[in-house]
Amino acid sequence: MPRALDIMSNGTPAVAALAVVGGVGTVTGVGTTQAGAALLSCANNLLITASGATAFILPSNAGIGDSCLVYNTTATTALIYPPSGSKIGNNATDGSSSCPINISVTYRRYTAAIWGQVFV
């Protein structure tokens, strides 16, 4: 079965891709910086982190108004980065947001360069 990101890579908007796929994806962190971070989908993401492998990045092809839910199930805080040239809340452009252990966070794209976050 295709993943939402697979469908989105063909130009399908995230909302439509999620309607087709749905579900929860497990994503393992990569490194600690924005460059090379593990790509998240605009869906439900179960994060797996370990020391030195905590970085995730929101999808650059997300549409305005799209949301990305993450849940950090591990004992290491996850670093969530916006797409290059964007920012999350009051963080610096290209700066990370922390997703603490055992916490859910919803990220929503408000403009091409601004994402908001809500801790659940």
PDB file of N, CA and C in Angstrom:
ATOM      1  N   MET A   1       0.844  -1.179   0.000  1.00  0.00           N
ATOM      2  CA  MET A   1       0.000   0.000   0.000  1.00  0.00           C
ATOM      3  C   MET A   1       0.890   1.242   0.000  1.00  0.00           C
ATOM      4  N   PRO A   2       0.585   2.246  -0.792  1.00  0.00           N
ATOM      5  CA  PRO A   2       1.419   3.455  -0.842  1.00  0.00           C
ATOM      6  C   PRO A   2       1.273   4.278   0.424  1.00  0.00           C
ATOM      7  N   ARG A   3       2.321   5.028   0.728  1.00  0.00           N
ATOM      8  CA  ARG A   3       2.298   5.982   1.837  1.00  0.00           C
ATOM      9  C   ARG A   3       1.813   7.325   1.311  1.00  0.00           C
ATOM     10  N   ALA A   4       1.354   8.174   2.239  1.00  0.00           N
ATOM     11  CA  ALA A   4       0.889   9.508   1.842  1.00  0.00           C
ATOM     12  C   ALA A   4       1.976  10.260   1.091  1.00  0.00           C
ATOM     13  N   LEU A   5       3.241  10.153   1.550  1.00  0.00           N
ATOM     14  CA  LEU A   5       4.334  10.859   0.869  1.00  0.00           C
ATOM     15  C   LEU A   5       4.547  10.345  -0.548  1.00  0.00           C
ATOM     16  N   ASP A   6       4.333   9.043  -0.759  1.00  0.00           N
ATOM     17  CA  ASP A   6       4.467   8.490  -2.106  1.00  0.00           C
ATOM     18  C   ASP A   6       3.437   9.121  -3.035  1.00  0.00           C
ATOM     19  N   ILE A   7       2.216   9.248  -2.546  1.00  0.00           N
ATOM     20  CA  ILE A   7       1.148   9.840  -3.349  1.00  0.00           C
ATOM     21  C   ILE A   7       1.410  11.327  -3.562  1.00  0.00           C
ATOM     22  N   MET A   8       1.874  12.018  -2.516  1.00  0.00           N
ATOM     23  CA  MET A   8       2.148  13.453  -2.615  1.00  0.00           C
ATOM     24  C   MET A   8       3.296  13.743  -3.575  1.00  0.00           C
ATOM     25  N   SER A   9       4.229  12.800  -3.720  1.00  0.00           N
ATOM     26  CA  SER A   9       5.364  13.032  -4.612  1.00  0.00           C
ATOM     27  C   SER A   9       4.926  13.143  -6.070  1.00  0.00           C
ATOM     28  N   ASN A  10       3.721  12.695  -6.366  1.00  0.00           N
ATOM     29  CA  ASN A  10       3.180  12.806  -7.724  1.00  0.00           C
ATOM     30  C   ASN A  10       2.353  14.068  -7.911  1.00  0.00           C
ATOM     31  N   GLY A  11       2.403  14.977  -6.926  1.00  0.00           N
ATOM     32  CA  GLY A  11       1.689  16.239  -7.045  1.00  0.00           C
ATOM     33  C   GLY A  11       0.323  16.275  -6.387  1.00  0.00           C
ATOM     34  N   THR A  12      -0.087  15.177  -5.774  1.00  0.00           N
ATOM     35  CA  THR A  12      -1.378  15.150  -5.091  1.00  0.00           C
ATOM     36  C   THR A  12      -1.283  15.944  -3.795  1.00  0.00           C
ATOM     37  N   PRO A  13      -2.235  16.837  -3.518  1.00  0.00           N
ATOM     38  CA  PRO A  13      -2.204  17.594  -2.261  1.00  0.00           C
ATOM     39  C   PRO A  13      -2.232  16.661  -1.049  1.00  0.00           C
ATOM     40  N   ALA A  14      -1.619  17.101   0.042  1.00  0.00           N
ATOM     41  CA  ALA A  14      -1.508  16.278   1.250  1.00  0.00           C
ATOM     42  C   ALA A  14      -2.868  15.810   1.756  1.00  0.00           C
ATOM     43  N   VAL A  15      -3.867  16.692   1.757  1.00  0.00           N
ATOM     44  CA  VAL A  15      -5.184  16.330   2.269  1.00  0.00           C
ATOM     45  C   VAL A  15      -5.772  15.173   1.467  1.00  0.00           C
ATOM     46  N   ALA A  16      -5.636  15.216   0.162  1.00  0.00           N
ATOM     47  CA  ALA A  16      -6.153  14.139  -0.682  1.00  0.00           C
ATOM     48  C   ALA A  16      -5.374  12.845  -0.462  1.00  0.00           C
ATOM     49  N   ALA A  17      -4.058  12.962  -0.327  1.00  0.00           N
ATOM     50  CA  ALA A  17      -3.229  11.771  -0.097  1.00  0.00           C
ATOM     51  C   ALA A  17      -3.608  11.099   1.214  1.00  0.00           C
ATOM     52  N   LEU A  18      -3.858  11.888   2.239  1.00  0.00           N
ATOM     53  CA  LEU A  18      -4.243  11.332   3.531  1.00  0.00           C
ATOM     54  C   LEU A  18      -5.607  10.667   3.473  1.00  0.00           C
ATOM     55  N   ALA A  19      -6.497  11.220   2.678  1.00  0.00           N
ATOM     56  CA  ALA A  19      -7.813  10.612   2.533  1.00  0.00           C
ATOM     57  C   ALA A  19      -7.701   9.222   1.920  1.00  0.00           C
ATOM     58  N   VAL A  20      -6.702   9.040   1.061  1.00  0.00           N
ATOM     59  CA  VAL A  20      -6.499   7.742   0.417  1.00  0.00           C
ATOM     60  C   VAL A  20      -5.802   6.774   1.356  1.00  0.00           C
ATOM     61  N   VAL A  21      -4.782   7.240   2.081  1.00  0.00           N
ATOM     62  CA  VAL A  21      -3.935   6.358   2.869  1.00  0.00           C
ATOM     63  C   VAL A  21      -4.328   6.289   4.337  1.00  0.00           C
ATOM     64  N   GLY A  22      -4.412   7.442   5.004  1.00  0.00           N
ATOM     65  CA  GLY A  22      -4.730   7.466   6.428  1.00  0.00           C
ATOM     66  C   GLY A  22      -3.690   6.717   7.242  1.00  0.00           C
ATOM     67  N   GLY A  23      -4.059   6.278   8.444  1.00  0.00           N
ATOM     68  CA  GLY A  23      -3.181   5.466   9.263  1.00  0.00           C
ATOM     69  C   GLY A  23      -2.105   6.253   9.982  1.00  0.00           C
ATOM     70  N   VAL A  24      -1.194   5.492  10.607  1.00  0.00           N
ATOM     71  CA  VAL A  24      -0.093   6.054  11.366  1.00  0.00           C
ATOM     72  C   VAL A  24       1.207   5.530  10.795  1.00  0.00           C
ATOM     73  N   GLY A  25       2.164   6.433  10.564  1.00  0.00           N
ATOM     74  CA  GLY A  25       3.470   6.028  10.060  1.00  0.00           C
ATOM     75  C   GLY A  25       4.514   6.120  11.160  1.00  0.00           C
ATOM     76  N   THR A  26       5.399   5.136  11.230  1.00  0.00           N
ATOM     77  CA  THR A  26       6.507   5.160  12.175  1.00  0.00           C
ATOM     78  C   THR A  26       7.717   5.732  11.467  1.00  0.00           C
ATOM     79  N   VAL A  27       8.341   6.757  12.083  1.00  0.00           N
ATOM     80  CA  VAL A  27       9.483   7.425  11.473  1.00  0.00           C
ATOM     81  C   VAL A  27      10.622   7.435  12.487  1.00  0.00           C
ATOM     82  N   THR A  28      11.807   7.022  12.060  1.00  0.00           N
ATOM     83  CA  THR A  28      12.983   6.999  12.922  1.00  0.00           C
ATOM     84  C   THR A  28      13.824   8.241  12.667  1.00  0.00           C
ATOM     85  N   GLY A  29      14.215   8.920  13.746  1.00  0.00           N
ATOM     86  CA  GLY A  29      15.010  10.136  13.638  1.00  0.00           C
ATOM     87  C   GLY A  29      16.346   9.879  12.958  1.00  0.00           C
ATOM     88  N   VAL A  30      16.877  10.935  12.314  1.00  0.00           N
ATOM     89  CA  VAL A  30      18.177  10.868  11.641  1.00  0.00           C
ATOM     90  C   VAL A  30      18.981  12.089  12.070  1.00  0.00           C
ATOM     91  N   GLY A  31      20.115  11.875  12.691  1.00  0.00           N
ATOM     92  CA  GLY A  31      20.994  12.964  13.082  1.00  0.00           C
ATOM     93  C   GLY A  31      20.346  13.935  14.047  1.00  0.00           C
ATOM     94  N   THR A  32      20.909  15.151  14.110  1.00  0.00           N
ATOM     95  CA  THR A  32      20.387  16.177  15.027  1.00  0.00           C
ATOM     96  C   THR A  32      20.222  17.539  14.355  1.00  0.00           C
ATOM     97  N   THR A  33      20.368  17.589  13.023  1.00  0.00           N
ATOM     98  CA  THR A  33      20.270  18.862  12.318  1.00  0.00           C
ATOM     99  C   THR A  33      19.180  18.815  11.253  1.00  0.00           C
ATOM    100  N   GLN A  34      18.851  19.980  10.722  1.00  0.00           N
ATOM    101  CA  GLN A  34      17.834  20.073   9.674  1.00  0.00           C
ATOM    102  C   GLN A  34      18.280  19.330   8.414  1.00  0.00           C
ATOM    103  N   ALA A  35      19.551  19.444   8.075  1.00  0.00           N
ATOM    104  CA  ALA A  35      20.071  18.767   6.885  1.00  0.00           C
ATOM    105  C   ALA A  35      20.084  17.260   7.124  1.00  0.00           C
ATOM    106  N   GLY A  36      19.359  16.535   6.322  1.00  0.00           N
ATOM    107  CA  GLY A  36      19.330  15.078   6.435  1.00  0.00           C
ATOM    108  C   GLY A  36      18.350  14.529   7.447  1.00  0.00           C
ATOM    109  N   ALA A  37      17.544  15.385   8.093  1.00  0.00           N
ATOM    110  CA  ALA A  37      16.565  14.918   9.076  1.00  0.00           C
ATOM    111  C   ALA A  37      15.534  14.014   8.408  1.00  0.00           C
ATOM    112  N   ALA A  38      14.935  13.124   9.193  1.00  0.00           N
ATOM    113  CA  ALA A  38      13.922  12.199   8.672  1.00  0.00           C
ATOM    114  C   ALA A  38      12.669  12.973   8.282  1.00  0.00           C
ATOM    115  N   LEU A  39      12.154  12.722   7.093  1.00  0.00           N
ATOM    116  CA  LEU A  39      10.986  13.427   6.572  1.00  0.00           C
ATOM    117  C   LEU A  39       9.698  12.900   7.196  1.00  0.00           C
ATOM    118  N   LEU A  40       8.893  13.819   7.703  1.00  0.00           N
ATOM    119  CA  LEU A  40       7.578  13.486   8.241  1.00  0.00           C
ATOM    120  C   LEU A  40       6.528  13.630   7.154  1.00  0.00           C
ATOM    121  N   SER A  41       5.406  12.957   7.337  1.00  0.00           N
ATOM    122  CA  SER A  41       4.281  13.137   6.420  1.00  0.00           C
ATOM    123  C   SER A  41       3.279  14.062   7.091  1.00  0.00           C
ATOM    124  N   CYS A  42       2.383  14.623   6.328  1.00  0.00           N
ATOM    125  CA  CYS A  42       1.301  15.397   6.928  1.00  0.00           C
ATOM    126  C   CYS A  42       0.202  14.416   7.274  1.00  0.00           C
ATOM    127  N   ALA A  43       0.433  13.706   8.322  1.00  0.00           N
ATOM    128  CA  ALA A  43      -0.492  12.685   8.797  1.00  0.00           C
ATOM    129  C   ALA A  43      -0.170  12.438  10.257  1.00  0.00           C
ATOM    130  N   ASN A  44      -0.317  11.215  10.666  1.00  0.00           N
ATOM    131  CA  ASN A  44      -0.024  10.795  12.020  1.00  0.00           C
ATOM    132  C   ASN A  44       1.312  10.090  12.039  1.00  0.00           C
ATOM    133  N   ASN A  45       2.269  10.654  12.785  1.00  0.00           N
ATOM    134  CA  ASN A  45       3.638  10.139  12.804  1.00  0.00           C
ATOM    135  C   ASN A  45       4.014   9.679  14.200  1.00  0.00           C
ATOM    136  N   LEU A  46       4.438   8.437  14.318  1.00  0.00           N
ATOM    137  CA  LEU A  46       4.942   7.874  15.556  1.00  0.00           C
ATOM    138  C   LEU A  46       6.456   7.993  15.495  1.00  0.00           C
ATOM    139  N   LEU A  47       7.043   8.825  16.373  1.00  0.00           N
ATOM    140  CA  LEU A  47       8.471   9.105  16.304  1.00  0.00           C
ATOM    141  C   LEU A  47       9.286   8.106  17.116  1.00  0.00           C
ATOM    142  N   ILE A  48      10.392   7.672  16.544  1.00  0.00           N
ATOM    143  CA  ILE A  48      11.359   6.813  17.215  1.00  0.00           C
ATOM    144  C   ILE A  48      12.668   7.589  17.268  1.00  0.00           C
ATOM    145  N   THR A  49      13.163   7.840  18.482  1.00  0.00           N
ATOM    146  CA  THR A  49      14.404   8.587  18.641  1.00  0.00           C
ATOM    147  C   THR A  49      15.423   7.765  19.418  1.00  0.00           C
ATOM    148  N   ALA A  50      16.660   8.153  19.305  1.00  0.00           N
ATOM    149  CA  ALA A  50      17.757   7.575  20.077  1.00  0.00           C
ATOM    150  C   ALA A  50      18.825   8.652  20.169  1.00  0.00           C
ATOM    151  N   SER A  51      19.746   8.493  21.071  1.00  0.00           N
ATOM    152  CA  SER A  51      20.821   9.470  21.207  1.00  0.00           C
ATOM    153  C   SER A  51      21.515   9.657  19.864  1.00  0.00           C
ATOM    154  N   GLY A  52      21.590  10.900  19.403  1.00  0.00           N
ATOM    155  CA  GLY A  52      22.239  11.192  18.132  1.00  0.00           C
ATOM    156  C   GLY A  52      21.358  10.971  16.913  1.00  0.00           C
ATOM    157  N   ALA A  53      20.116  10.536  17.120  1.00  0.00           N
ATOM    158  CA  ALA A  53      19.186  10.306  16.009  1.00  0.00           C
ATOM    159  C   ALA A  53      17.822  10.863  16.403  1.00  0.00           C
ATOM    160  N   THR A  54      17.747  12.195  16.462  1.00  0.00           N
ATOM    161  CA  THR A  54      16.546  12.835  16.994  1.00  0.00           C
ATOM    162  C   THR A  54      15.868  13.814  16.041  1.00  0.00           C
ATOM    163  N   ALA A  55      16.407  14.019  14.845  1.00  0.00           N
ATOM    164  CA  ALA A  55      15.912  15.077  13.966  1.00  0.00           C
ATOM    165  C   ALA A  55      14.869  14.582  12.961  1.00  0.00           C
ATOM    166  N   PHE A  56      13.817  15.405  12.818  1.00  0.00           N
ATOM    167  CA  PHE A  56      12.735  15.167  11.869  1.00  0.00           C
ATOM    168  C   PHE A  56      12.449  16.492  11.176  1.00  0.00           C
ATOM    169  N   ILE A  57      11.932  16.430   9.944  1.00  0.00           N
ATOM    170  CA  ILE A  57      11.624  17.658   9.216  1.00  0.00           C
ATOM    171  C   ILE A  57      10.212  17.586   8.643  1.00  0.00           C
ATOM    172  N   LEU A  58       9.504  18.698   8.775  1.00  0.00           N
ATOM    173  CA  LEU A  58       8.150  18.790   8.227  1.00  0.00           C
ATOM    174  C   LEU A  58       8.226  18.838   6.701  1.00  0.00           C
ATOM    175  N   PRO A  59       7.220  18.320   6.018  1.00  0.00           N
ATOM    176  CA  PRO A  59       7.274  18.247   4.555  1.00  0.00           C
ATOM    177  C   PRO A  59       7.171  19.608   3.875  1.00  0.00           C
ATOM    178  N   SER A  60       8.054  19.861   2.937  1.00  0.00           N
ATOM    179  CA  SER A  60       8.050  21.135   2.211  1.00  0.00           C
ATOM    180  C   SER A  60       6.870  21.236   1.249  1.00  0.00           C
ATOM    181  N   ASN A  61       6.290  20.100   0.875  1.00  0.00           N
ATOM    182  CA  ASN A  61       5.172  20.127  -0.066  1.00  0.00           C
ATOM    183  C   ASN A  61       3.809  20.153   0.626  1.00  0.00           C
ATOM    184  N   ALA A  62       3.794  20.399   1.941  1.00  0.00           N
ATOM    185  CA  ALA A  62       2.523  20.528   2.654  1.00  0.00           C
ATOM    186  C   ALA A  62       1.818  21.794   2.190  1.00  0.00           C
ATOM    187  N   GLY A  63       0.520  21.721   2.093  1.00  0.00           N
ATOM    188  CA  GLY A  63      -0.262  22.883   1.689  1.00  0.00           C
ATOM    189  C   GLY A  63      -0.567  23.799   2.861  1.00  0.00           C
ATOM    190  N   ILE A  64      -0.936  25.023   2.569  1.00  0.00           N
ATOM    191  CA  ILE A  64      -1.362  25.956   3.609  1.00  0.00           C
ATOM    192  C   ILE A  64      -2.584  25.355   4.297  1.00  0.00           C
ATOM    193  N   GLY A  65      -2.547  25.281   5.618  1.00  0.00           N
ATOM    194  CA  GLY A  65      -3.639  24.691   6.386  1.00  0.00           C
ATOM    195  C   GLY A  65      -3.451  23.221   6.703  1.00  0.00           C
ATOM    196  N   ASP A  66      -2.471  22.568   6.082  1.00  0.00           N
ATOM    197  CA  ASP A  66      -2.214  21.156   6.378  1.00  0.00           C
ATOM    198  C   ASP A  66      -1.645  21.003   7.782  1.00  0.00           C
ATOM    199  N   SER A  67      -1.994  19.905   8.434  1.00  0.00           N
ATOM    200  CA  SER A  67      -1.493  19.602   9.766  1.00  0.00           C
ATOM    201  C   SER A  67      -0.668  18.329   9.750  1.00  0.00           C
ATOM    202  N   CYS A  68       0.251  18.259  10.682  1.00  0.00           N
ATOM    203  CA  CYS A  68       1.142  17.119  10.826  1.00  0.00           C
ATOM    204  C   CYS A  68       1.174  16.768  12.316  1.00  0.00           C
ATOM    205  N   LEU A  69       0.652  15.613  12.694  1.00  0.00           N
ATOM    206  CA  LEU A  69       0.618  15.190  14.086  1.00  0.00           C
ATOM    207  C   LEU A  69       1.784  14.259  14.363  1.00  0.00           C
ATOM    208  N   VAL A  70       2.517  14.528  15.443  1.00  0.00           N
ATOM    209  CA  VAL A  70       3.618  13.660  15.839  1.00  0.00           C
ATOM    210  C   VAL A  70       3.420  13.227  17.285  1.00  0.00           C
ATOM    211  N   TYR A  71       3.872  12.012  17.592  1.00  0.00           N
ATOM    212  CA  TYR A  71       3.854  11.504  18.959  1.00  0.00           C
ATOM    213  C   TYR A  71       5.206  10.870  19.219  1.00  0.00           C
ATOM    214  N   ASN A  72       5.912  11.393  20.213  1.00  0.00           N
ATOM    215  CA  ASN A  72       7.244  10.894  20.560  1.00  0.00           C
ATOM    216  C   ASN A  72       7.098   9.799  21.615  1.00  0.00           C
ATOM    217  N   THR A  73       7.359   8.573  21.234  1.00  0.00           N
ATOM    218  CA  THR A  73       7.161   7.423  22.109  1.00  0.00           C
ATOM    219  C   THR A  73       8.407   7.022  22.880  1.00  0.00           C
ATOM    220  N   THR A  74       9.530   7.671  22.628  1.00  0.00           N
ATOM    221  CA  THR A  74      10.791   7.207  23.186  1.00  0.00           C
ATOM    222  C   THR A  74      11.291   8.121  24.299  1.00  0.00           C
ATOM    223  N   ALA A  75      12.417   7.759  24.901  1.00  0.00           N
ATOM    224  CA  ALA A  75      12.948   8.475  26.061  1.00  0.00           C
ATOM    225  C   ALA A  75      13.913   9.597  25.691  1.00  0.00           C
ATOM    226  N   THR A  76      13.913  10.014  24.438  1.00  0.00           N
ATOM    227  CA  THR A  76      14.780  11.102  23.982  1.00  0.00           C
ATOM    228  C   THR A  76      13.921  12.152  23.288  1.00  0.00           C
ATOM    229  N   THR A  77      14.103  13.413  23.642  1.00  0.00           N
ATOM    230  CA  THR A  77      13.351  14.502  23.013  1.00  0.00           C
ATOM    231  C   THR A  77      13.637  14.543  21.515  1.00  0.00           C
ATOM    232  N   ALA A  78      12.580  14.728  20.731  1.00  0.00           N
ATOM    233  CA  ALA A  78      12.719  14.828  19.275  1.00  0.00           C
ATOM    234  C   ALA A  78      12.870  16.287  18.873  1.00  0.00           C
ATOM    235  N   LEU A  79      13.660  16.522  17.836  1.00  0.00           N
ATOM    236  CA  LEU A  79      13.826  17.858  17.259  1.00  0.00           C
ATOM    237  C   LEU A  79      13.049  17.904  15.955  1.00  0.00           C
ATOM    238  N   ILE A  80      12.081  18.802  15.878  1.00  0.00           N
ATOM    239  CA  ILE A  80      11.258  18.948  14.685  1.00  0.00           C
ATOM    240  C   ILE A  80      11.689  20.225  13.974  1.00  0.00           C
ATOM    241  N   TYR A  81      12.109  20.086  12.728  1.00  0.00           N
ATOM    242  CA  TYR A  81      12.563  21.226  11.925  1.00  0.00           C
ATOM    243  C   TYR A  81      11.520  21.578  10.877  1.00  0.00           C
ATOM    244  N   PRO A  82      11.407  22.860  10.542  1.00  0.00           N
ATOM    245  CA  PRO A  82      10.544  23.256   9.430  1.00  0.00           C
ATOM    246  C   PRO A  82      11.300  23.027   8.120  1.00  0.00           C
ATOM    247  N   PRO A  83      10.602  23.079   6.999  1.00  0.00           N
ATOM    248  CA  PRO A  83      11.310  23.041   5.720  1.00  0.00           C
ATOM    249  C   PRO A  83      12.273  24.229   5.637  1.00  0.00           C
ATOM    250  N   SER A  84      13.309  24.105   4.855  1.00  0.00           N
ATOM    251  CA  SER A  84      14.321  25.155   4.712  1.00  0.00           C
ATOM    252  C   SER A  84      13.676  26.493   4.372  1.00  0.00           C
ATOM    253  N   GLY A  85      14.086  27.536   5.099  1.00  0.00           N
ATOM    254  CA  GLY A  85      13.565  28.877   4.870  1.00  0.00           C
ATOM    255  C   GLY A  85      12.302  29.191   5.649  1.00  0.00           C
ATOM    256  N   SER A  86      11.817  28.228   6.448  1.00  0.00           N
ATOM    257  CA  SER A  86      10.593  28.417   7.237  1.00  0.00           C
ATOM    258  C   SER A  86      10.923  28.452   8.721  1.00  0.00           C
ATOM    259  N   LYS A  87       9.894  28.724   9.529  1.00  0.00           N
ATOM    260  CA  LYS A  87      10.088  28.681  10.972  1.00  0.00           C
ATOM    261  C   LYS A  87       8.841  28.119  11.637  1.00  0.00           C
ATOM    262  N   ILE A  88       9.032  27.631  12.866  1.00  0.00           N
ATOM    263  CA  ILE A  88       7.940  27.095  13.673  1.00  0.00           C
ATOM    264  C   ILE A  88       7.711  28.062  14.828  1.00  0.00           C
ATOM    265  N   GLY A  89       6.517  28.649  14.893  1.00  0.00           N
ATOM    266  CA  GLY A  89       6.194  29.583  15.968  1.00  0.00           C
ATOM    267  C   GLY A  89       7.185  30.725  16.042  1.00  0.00           C
ATOM    268  N   ASN A  90       7.681  30.989  17.255  1.00  0.00           N
ATOM    269  CA  ASN A  90       8.622  32.088  17.471  1.00  0.00           C
ATOM    270  C   ASN A  90      10.074  31.668  17.305  1.00  0.00           C
ATOM    271  N   ASN A  91      10.316  30.447  16.885  1.00  0.00           N
ATOM    272  CA  ASN A  91      11.691  29.990  16.684  1.00  0.00           C
ATOM    273  C   ASN A  91      12.321  30.721  15.500  1.00  0.00           C
ATOM    274  N   ALA A  92      13.636  30.690  15.457  1.00  0.00           N
ATOM    275  CA  ALA A  92      14.363  31.294  14.341  1.00  0.00           C
ATOM    276  C   ALA A  92      14.059  30.537  13.050  1.00  0.00           C
ATOM    277  N   THR A  93      14.226  31.203  11.924  1.00  0.00           N
ATOM    278  CA  THR A  93      14.100  30.534  10.629  1.00  0.00           C
ATOM    279  C   THR A  93      15.059  29.354  10.601  1.00  0.00           C
ATOM    280  N   ASP A  94      14.575  28.199  10.181  1.00  0.00           N
ATOM    281  CA  ASP A  94      15.312  26.937  10.121  1.00  0.00           C
ATOM    282  C   ASP A  94      15.649  26.368  11.498  1.00  0.00           C
ATOM    283  N   GLY A  95      15.110  26.956  12.573  1.00  0.00           N
ATOM    284  CA  GLY A  95      15.364  26.462  13.931  1.00  0.00           C
ATOM    285  C   GLY A  95      14.413  25.335  14.298  1.00  0.00           C
ATOM    286  N   SER A  96      14.838  24.492  15.222  1.00  0.00           N
ATOM    287  CA  SER A  96      14.029  23.342  15.619  1.00  0.00           C
ATOM    288  C   SER A  96      13.052  23.675  16.737  1.00  0.00           C
ATOM    289  N   SER A  97      12.038  22.828  16.830  1.00  0.00           N
ATOM    290  CA  SER A  97      11.081  22.825  17.922  1.00  0.00           C
ATOM    291  C   SER A  97      11.249  21.483  18.622  1.00  0.00           C
ATOM    292  N   SER A  98      11.144  21.465  19.935  1.00  0.00           N
ATOM    293  CA  SER A  98      11.308  20.207  20.669  1.00  0.00           C
ATOM    294  C   SER A  98       9.970  19.517  20.865  1.00  0.00           C
ATOM    295  N   CYS A  99       9.966  18.211  20.682  1.00  0.00           N
ATOM    296  CA  CYS A  99       8.809  17.377  20.998  1.00  0.00           C
ATOM    297  C   CYS A  99       9.255  16.477  22.154  1.00  0.00           C
ATOM    298  N   PRO A 100       8.821  16.805  23.380  1.00  0.00           N
ATOM    299  CA  PRO A 100       9.252  16.031  24.546  1.00  0.00           C
ATOM    300  C   PRO A 100       8.797  14.576  24.487  1.00  0.00           C
ATOM    301  N   ILE A 101       9.363  13.772  25.359  1.00  0.00           N
ATOM    302  CA  ILE A 101       9.004  12.346  25.409  1.00  0.00           C
ATOM    303  C   ILE A 101       7.546  12.185  25.838  1.00  0.00           C
ATOM    304  N   ASN A 102       6.895  11.199  25.235  1.00  0.00           N
ATOM    305  CA  ASN A 102       5.501  10.856  25.536  1.00  0.00           C
ATOM    306  C   ASN A 102       4.542  12.021  25.365  1.00  0.00           C
ATOM    307  N   ILE A 103       4.779  12.850  24.385  1.00  0.00           N
ATOM    308  CA  ILE A 103       3.936  14.017  24.100  1.00  0.00           C
ATOM    309  C   ILE A 103       3.549  14.012  22.621  1.00  0.00           C
ATOM    310  N   SER A 104       2.329  14.462  22.344  1.00  0.00           N
ATOM    311  CA  SER A 104       1.875  14.672  20.969  1.00  0.00           C
ATOM    312  C   SER A 104       1.916  16.162  20.663  1.00  0.00           C
ATOM    313  N   VAL A 105       2.322  16.483  19.447  1.00  0.00           N
ATOM    314  CA  VAL A 105       2.335  17.873  18.991  1.00  0.00           C
ATOM    315  C   VAL A 105       1.726  17.908  17.589  1.00  0.00           C
ATOM    316  N   THR A 106       0.849  18.869  17.366  1.00  0.00           N
ATOM    317  CA  THR A 106       0.309  19.092  16.030  1.00  0.00           C
ATOM    318  C   THR A 106       0.969  20.332  15.449  1.00  0.00           C
ATOM    319  N   TYR A 107       1.528  20.196  14.252  1.00  0.00           N
ATOM    320  CA  TYR A 107       2.136  21.308  13.518  1.00  0.00           C
ATOM    321  C   TYR A 107       1.199  21.651  12.373  1.00  0.00           C
ATOM    322  N   ARG A 108       0.918  22.938  12.187  1.00  0.00           N
ATOM    323  CA  ARG A 108       0.033  23.369  11.092  1.00  0.00           C
ATOM    324  C   ARG A 108       0.740  24.446  10.292  1.00  0.00           C
ATOM    325  N   ARG A 109       0.656  24.319   8.966  1.00  0.00           N
ATOM    326  CA  ARG A 109       1.279  25.307   8.079  1.00  0.00           C
ATOM    327  C   ARG A 109       0.302  26.449   7.847  1.00  0.00           C
ATOM    328  N   TYR A 110       0.709  27.655   8.252  1.00  0.00           N
ATOM    329  CA  TYR A 110      -0.154  28.833   8.110  1.00  0.00           C
ATOM    330  C   TYR A 110       0.191  29.670   6.887  1.00  0.00           C
ATOM    331  N   THR A 111       1.462  29.739   6.547  1.00  0.00           N
ATOM    332  CA  THR A 111       1.903  30.425   5.335  1.00  0.00           C
ATOM    333  C   THR A 111       3.033  29.583   4.753  1.00  0.00           C
ATOM    334  N   ALA A 112       3.575  30.019   3.633  1.00  0.00           N
ATOM    335  CA  ALA A 112       4.684  29.275   3.033  1.00  0.00           C
ATOM    336  C   ALA A 112       5.886  29.193   3.965  1.00  0.00           C
ATOM    337  N   ALA A 113       6.026  30.155   4.883  1.00  0.00           N
ATOM    338  CA  ALA A 113       7.205  30.200   5.736  1.00  0.00           C
ATOM    339  C   ALA A 113       6.921  30.078   7.228  1.00  0.00           C
ATOM    340  N   ILE A 114       5.649  29.912   7.614  1.00  0.00           N
ATOM    341  CA  ILE A 114       5.324  29.865   9.036  1.00  0.00           C
ATOM    342  C   ILE A 114       4.479  28.631   9.370  1.00  0.00           C
ATOM    343  N   TRP A 115       4.959  27.873  10.358  1.00  0.00           N
ATOM    344  CA  TRP A 115       4.247  26.746  10.930  1.00  0.00           C
ATOM    345  C   TRP A 115       3.913  27.080  12.388  1.00  0.00           C
ATOM    346  N   GLY A 116       2.767  26.652  12.858  1.00  0.00           N
ATOM    347  CA  GLY A 116       2.409  26.795  14.268  1.00  0.00           C
ATOM    348  C   GLY A 116       2.472  25.420  14.919  1.00  0.00           C
ATOM    349  N   GLN A 117       2.442  25.410  16.242  1.00  0.00           N
ATOM    350  CA  GLN A 117       2.469  24.138  16.961  1.00  0.00           C
ATOM    351  C   GLN A 117       1.521  24.177  18.146  1.00  0.00           C
ATOM    352  N   VAL A 118       0.881  23.049  18.420  1.00  0.00           N
ATOM    353  CA  VAL A 118       0.002  22.905  19.565  1.00  0.00           C
ATOM    354  C   VAL A 118       0.374  21.604  20.265  1.00  0.00           C
ATOM    355  N   PHE A 119       0.736  21.693  21.543  1.00  0.00           N
ATOM    356  CA  PHE A 119       1.051  20.490  22.315  1.00  0.00           C
ATOM    357  C   PHE A 119      -0.255  19.880  22.790  1.00  0.00           C
ATOM    358  N   VAL A 120      -0.398  18.577  22.559  1.00  0.00           N
ATOM    359  CA  VAL A 120      -1.633  17.878  22.900  1.00  0.00           C
ATOM    360  C   VAL A 120      -1.444  17.071  24.163  1.00  0.00           C
TER     361      VAL A 120
END
